[in-house]
Protein backbone atom coordinates (compact mmCIF):
# COMPACT_ATOMS: atom_id res chain seq x y z
CA UNK A 1 99.54 94.73 -67.45
CA UNK A 2 98.11 96.58 -69.94
CA UNK A 3 98.99 100.25 -70.54
CA UNK A 4 97.16 102.74 -72.11
CA UNK A 5 97.17 106.38 -72.99
CA UNK A 6 93.85 107.99 -73.43
CA UNK A 7 94.84 111.73 -73.48
CA UNK A 8 97.93 113.28 -72.70
CA UNK A 9 96.19 113.52 -68.97
CA UNK A 10 94.38 110.34 -68.77
CA UNK A 11 95.13 106.57 -68.70
CA UNK A 12 94.40 103.21 -68.62
CA UNK A 13 95.84 100.60 -66.86
CA UNK A 14 94.26 97.04 -66.32
CA UNK A 15 95.54 94.47 -63.91
CA UNK A 16 94.31 90.87 -65.02
CA UNK A 17 94.29 88.21 -62.75
CA UNK A 18 97.44 86.72 -63.53
CA UNK A 19 99.31 90.59 -62.88
CA UNK A 20 97.10 90.26 -59.39
CA UNK A 21 98.17 86.70 -58.81
CA UNK A 22 101.68 87.25 -59.64
CA UNK A 23 102.53 90.44 -57.92
CA UNK A 24 100.79 89.60 -55.18
CA UNK A 25 97.77 92.12 -55.11
CA UNK A 26 95.87 92.84 -51.89
CA UNK A 27 92.89 93.74 -54.00
CA UNK A 28 91.34 94.09 -49.88
CA UNK A 29 94.16 96.53 -49.49
CA UNK A 30 94.04 98.80 -52.46
CA UNK A 31 90.23 99.26 -51.75
CA UNK A 32 90.57 100.26 -47.87
CA UNK A 33 93.74 101.53 -47.94
CA UNK A 34 95.51 104.53 -49.86
CA UNK A 35 96.94 103.73 -53.70
CA UNK A 36 99.59 106.05 -54.01
CA UNK A 37 101.62 105.13 -50.95
CA UNK A 38 101.81 100.85 -52.22
CA UNK A 39 105.35 100.03 -54.08
CA UNK A 40 103.35 98.11 -57.11
CA UNK A 41 101.42 101.71 -58.22
CA UNK A 42 104.49 103.39 -56.68
CA UNK A 43 105.92 100.75 -60.57
CA UNK A 44 102.98 101.69 -62.46
CA UNK A 45 103.73 104.67 -62.68
CA UNK A 46 107.11 103.66 -63.61
CA UNK A 47 105.69 102.20 -66.11
CA UNK A 48 103.95 104.88 -68.05
CA UNK A 49 106.98 107.31 -67.09
CA UNK A 50 109.12 105.00 -69.16
CA UNK A 51 106.57 103.38 -72.29
CA UNK A 52 104.05 106.05 -72.93
CA UNK A 53 105.42 109.57 -71.43
CA UNK A 54 103.73 109.73 -68.57
CA UNK A 55 105.16 111.80 -66.85
CA UNK A 56 103.34 112.85 -63.63
CA UNK A 57 106.24 115.09 -61.05
CA UNK A 58 104.24 118.48 -59.87
CA UNK A 59 100.88 116.69 -60.82
CA UNK A 60 97.81 116.25 -58.41
CA UNK A 61 96.51 112.50 -59.54
CA UNK A 62 92.81 111.07 -60.06
CA UNK A 63 92.90 107.89 -59.77
CA UNK A 64 89.27 105.94 -60.18
CA UNK A 65 89.93 101.69 -59.77
CA UNK A 66 87.10 99.15 -60.77
CA UNK A 67 86.93 95.85 -61.13
CA UNK A 68 85.73 94.55 -65.28
CA UNK A 69 82.89 91.83 -66.10
CA UNK A 70 85.72 89.24 -65.87
CA UNK A 71 86.98 90.23 -63.12
CA UNK A 72 90.82 93.00 -64.40
CA UNK A 73 91.09 95.03 -62.25
CA UNK A 74 90.71 98.47 -64.09
CA UNK A 75 92.67 102.46 -62.46
CA UNK A 76 91.88 105.18 -64.63
CA UNK A 77 95.06 107.72 -64.31
CA UNK A 78 93.95 111.61 -64.62
CA UNK A 79 97.09 114.01 -63.70
CA UNK A 80 96.60 118.38 -63.21
CA UNK A 81 98.92 120.88 -62.60
CA UNK A 82 99.35 121.55 -58.54
CA UNK A 83 97.16 124.90 -57.40
CA UNK A 84 100.08 127.16 -58.44
CA UNK A 85 99.72 126.74 -62.03
CA UNK A 86 96.25 126.18 -61.79
CA UNK A 87 94.95 129.05 -60.62
CA UNK A 88 97.29 130.83 -62.19
CA UNK A 89 94.32 130.21 -65.73
CA UNK A 90 92.25 133.18 -66.89
CA UNK A 91 88.51 133.18 -64.78
CA UNK A 92 85.91 133.27 -67.10
CA UNK A 93 83.28 135.77 -66.98
CA UNK A 94 79.66 134.44 -66.02
CA UNK A 95 76.96 135.10 -68.10
CA UNK A 96 73.45 133.58 -68.06
CA UNK A 97 73.03 130.80 -70.79
CA UNK A 98 69.37 131.12 -72.40
CA UNK A 99 68.59 128.07 -71.19
CA UNK A 100 66.50 129.15 -67.79
CA UNK A 101 66.32 126.42 -65.16
CA UNK A 102 63.15 126.03 -63.50
CA UNK A 103 64.17 126.44 -59.59
CA UNK A 104 60.61 124.85 -58.86
CA UNK A 105 62.48 121.96 -58.52
CA UNK A 106 64.62 120.25 -56.26
CA UNK A 107 66.84 118.22 -58.11
CA UNK A 108 69.13 119.19 -60.71
CA UNK A 109 71.60 117.92 -63.45
CA UNK A 110 74.27 119.55 -65.23
CA UNK A 111 76.86 117.60 -67.83
CA UNK A 112 80.30 118.87 -68.11
CA UNK A 113 82.27 117.55 -70.96
CA UNK A 114 85.58 116.23 -69.13
CA UNK A 115 86.34 116.50 -65.65
CA UNK A 116 89.22 119.80 -66.64
CA UNK A 117 86.32 121.40 -67.27
CA UNK A 118 84.32 120.15 -63.95
CA UNK A 119 88.01 121.07 -61.76
CA UNK A 120 87.33 125.02 -64.16
CA UNK A 121 84.41 125.33 -61.88
CA UNK A 122 85.78 123.90 -58.75
CA UNK A 123 88.75 126.09 -59.58
CA UNK A 124 85.94 129.62 -60.23
CA UNK A 125 84.13 128.85 -57.08
CA UNK A 126 87.13 128.35 -54.77
CA UNK A 127 87.86 132.59 -56.51
CA UNK A 128 85.24 133.71 -56.05
CA UNK A 129 83.35 135.43 -53.04
CA UNK A 130 80.02 132.73 -54.05
CA UNK A 131 79.30 130.03 -51.48
CA UNK A 132 78.11 126.06 -52.67
CA UNK A 133 77.47 125.79 -48.90
CA UNK A 134 74.24 124.50 -47.91
CA UNK A 135 73.40 124.73 -51.33
CA UNK A 136 71.49 121.03 -51.46
CA UNK A 137 71.04 117.86 -49.05
CA UNK A 138 73.26 116.26 -51.58
CA UNK A 139 75.84 116.35 -54.43
CA UNK A 140 77.70 113.47 -56.44
CA UNK A 141 79.67 113.72 -59.33
CA UNK A 142 78.67 111.11 -61.91
CA UNK A 143 81.06 109.90 -64.95
CA UNK A 144 79.38 108.21 -68.27
CA UNK A 145 80.43 108.00 -71.91
CA UNK A 146 83.73 110.12 -71.49
CA UNK A 147 80.92 112.78 -70.13
CA UNK A 148 80.95 114.45 -66.52
CA UNK A 149 77.43 115.21 -64.47
CA UNK A 150 77.03 116.62 -61.32
CA UNK A 151 73.87 115.77 -59.68
CA UNK A 152 71.87 117.88 -57.03
CA UNK A 153 69.02 116.88 -55.15
CA UNK A 154 67.27 117.65 -52.10
CA UNK A 155 67.58 121.87 -53.46
CA UNK A 156 67.58 124.29 -50.22
CA UNK A 157 66.17 127.38 -51.78
CA UNK A 158 66.57 129.31 -49.56
CA UNK A 159 70.08 129.59 -50.19
CA UNK A 160 70.50 132.82 -51.78
CA UNK A 161 72.62 132.21 -53.79
CA UNK A 162 71.51 129.18 -55.55
CA UNK A 163 70.21 130.85 -58.61
CA UNK A 164 73.98 132.93 -59.23
CA UNK A 165 74.56 129.33 -58.98
CA UNK A 166 73.29 127.77 -60.89
CA UNK A 167 74.38 130.15 -63.47
CA UNK A 168 77.60 129.74 -62.80
CA UNK A 169 77.64 125.76 -63.42
CA UNK A 170 75.96 126.53 -66.51
CA UNK A 171 79.06 128.70 -67.55
CA UNK A 172 81.09 125.49 -67.38
CA UNK A 173 79.28 123.16 -69.17
CA UNK A 174 75.18 122.40 -69.48
CA UNK A 175 71.78 121.95 -67.22
CA UNK A 176 70.38 118.48 -68.49
CA UNK A 177 67.57 117.72 -66.85
CA UNK A 178 65.44 118.04 -63.21
CA UNK A 179 63.95 114.27 -63.46
CA UNK A 180 64.82 111.59 -61.42
CA UNK A 181 65.18 109.41 -64.16
CA UNK A 182 68.01 110.64 -66.00
CA UNK A 183 70.24 109.84 -62.23
CA UNK A 184 69.07 106.62 -62.22
CA UNK A 185 70.60 105.99 -65.43
CA UNK A 186 74.00 107.44 -64.27
CA UNK A 187 73.10 104.98 -61.31
CA UNK A 188 72.85 102.08 -64.27
CA UNK A 189 75.29 102.21 -66.79
CA UNK A 190 77.98 104.69 -65.24
CA UNK A 191 80.03 105.83 -62.83
CA UNK A 192 79.88 107.41 -59.38
CA UNK A 193 83.47 109.70 -58.85
CA UNK A 194 82.73 111.76 -56.27
CA UNK A 195 79.84 109.99 -54.42
CA UNK A 196 79.17 113.23 -51.50
CA UNK A 197 79.67 116.31 -50.92
CA UNK A 198 81.09 116.47 -54.73
CA UNK A 199 81.56 120.16 -55.53
CA UNK A 200 83.69 120.94 -51.63
CA UNK A 201 86.06 117.21 -52.50
CA UNK A 202 86.56 119.40 -55.82
CA UNK A 203 87.07 122.63 -54.31
CA UNK A 204 89.67 120.57 -51.69
CA UNK A 205 91.31 118.24 -54.64
CA UNK A 206 91.40 120.40 -57.11
CA UNK A 207 90.71 124.06 -57.44
């Protein structure tokens, strides 16, 4: 098992085939049950704490798991402070960017430099009176080259707040595109972090 520190708040854990066999890890169980409740996961966190000083007490964890082309198993673990710490962060003043968004489209993509920027957006929305409910048919979050992309499909332009919401998105991130070709690139080369209801999920777990 190899553990490497990506940032102060993120690590990657690589389980080789021999690790999986030695520890009798059931990959089906990993994918279908809560990872946090499994003993081997607690063991990994303990080793990360001892080897890298990666302490997770009092933090929320985002756990991403996938198989590599070599059939190894890779975990990416990102930690966040609990809500009582995050809500004290100063709220960002919303100032619309000069770059205009073509709101006649039904498909939009916004980028965020990291997952923490997306969480800051969710925190702001959680403490504002502006609701993103009913904004679109589908909203998903993708990771590609360490950048996160919020993909909005089927915009409901009857939502009276959608222009304000787009201004807020542009404050925390950046408007990228209105075409589906870039989404296809994300689906082919990137990784889906939150498949459905990305804003609702982000607000529920990370705001």
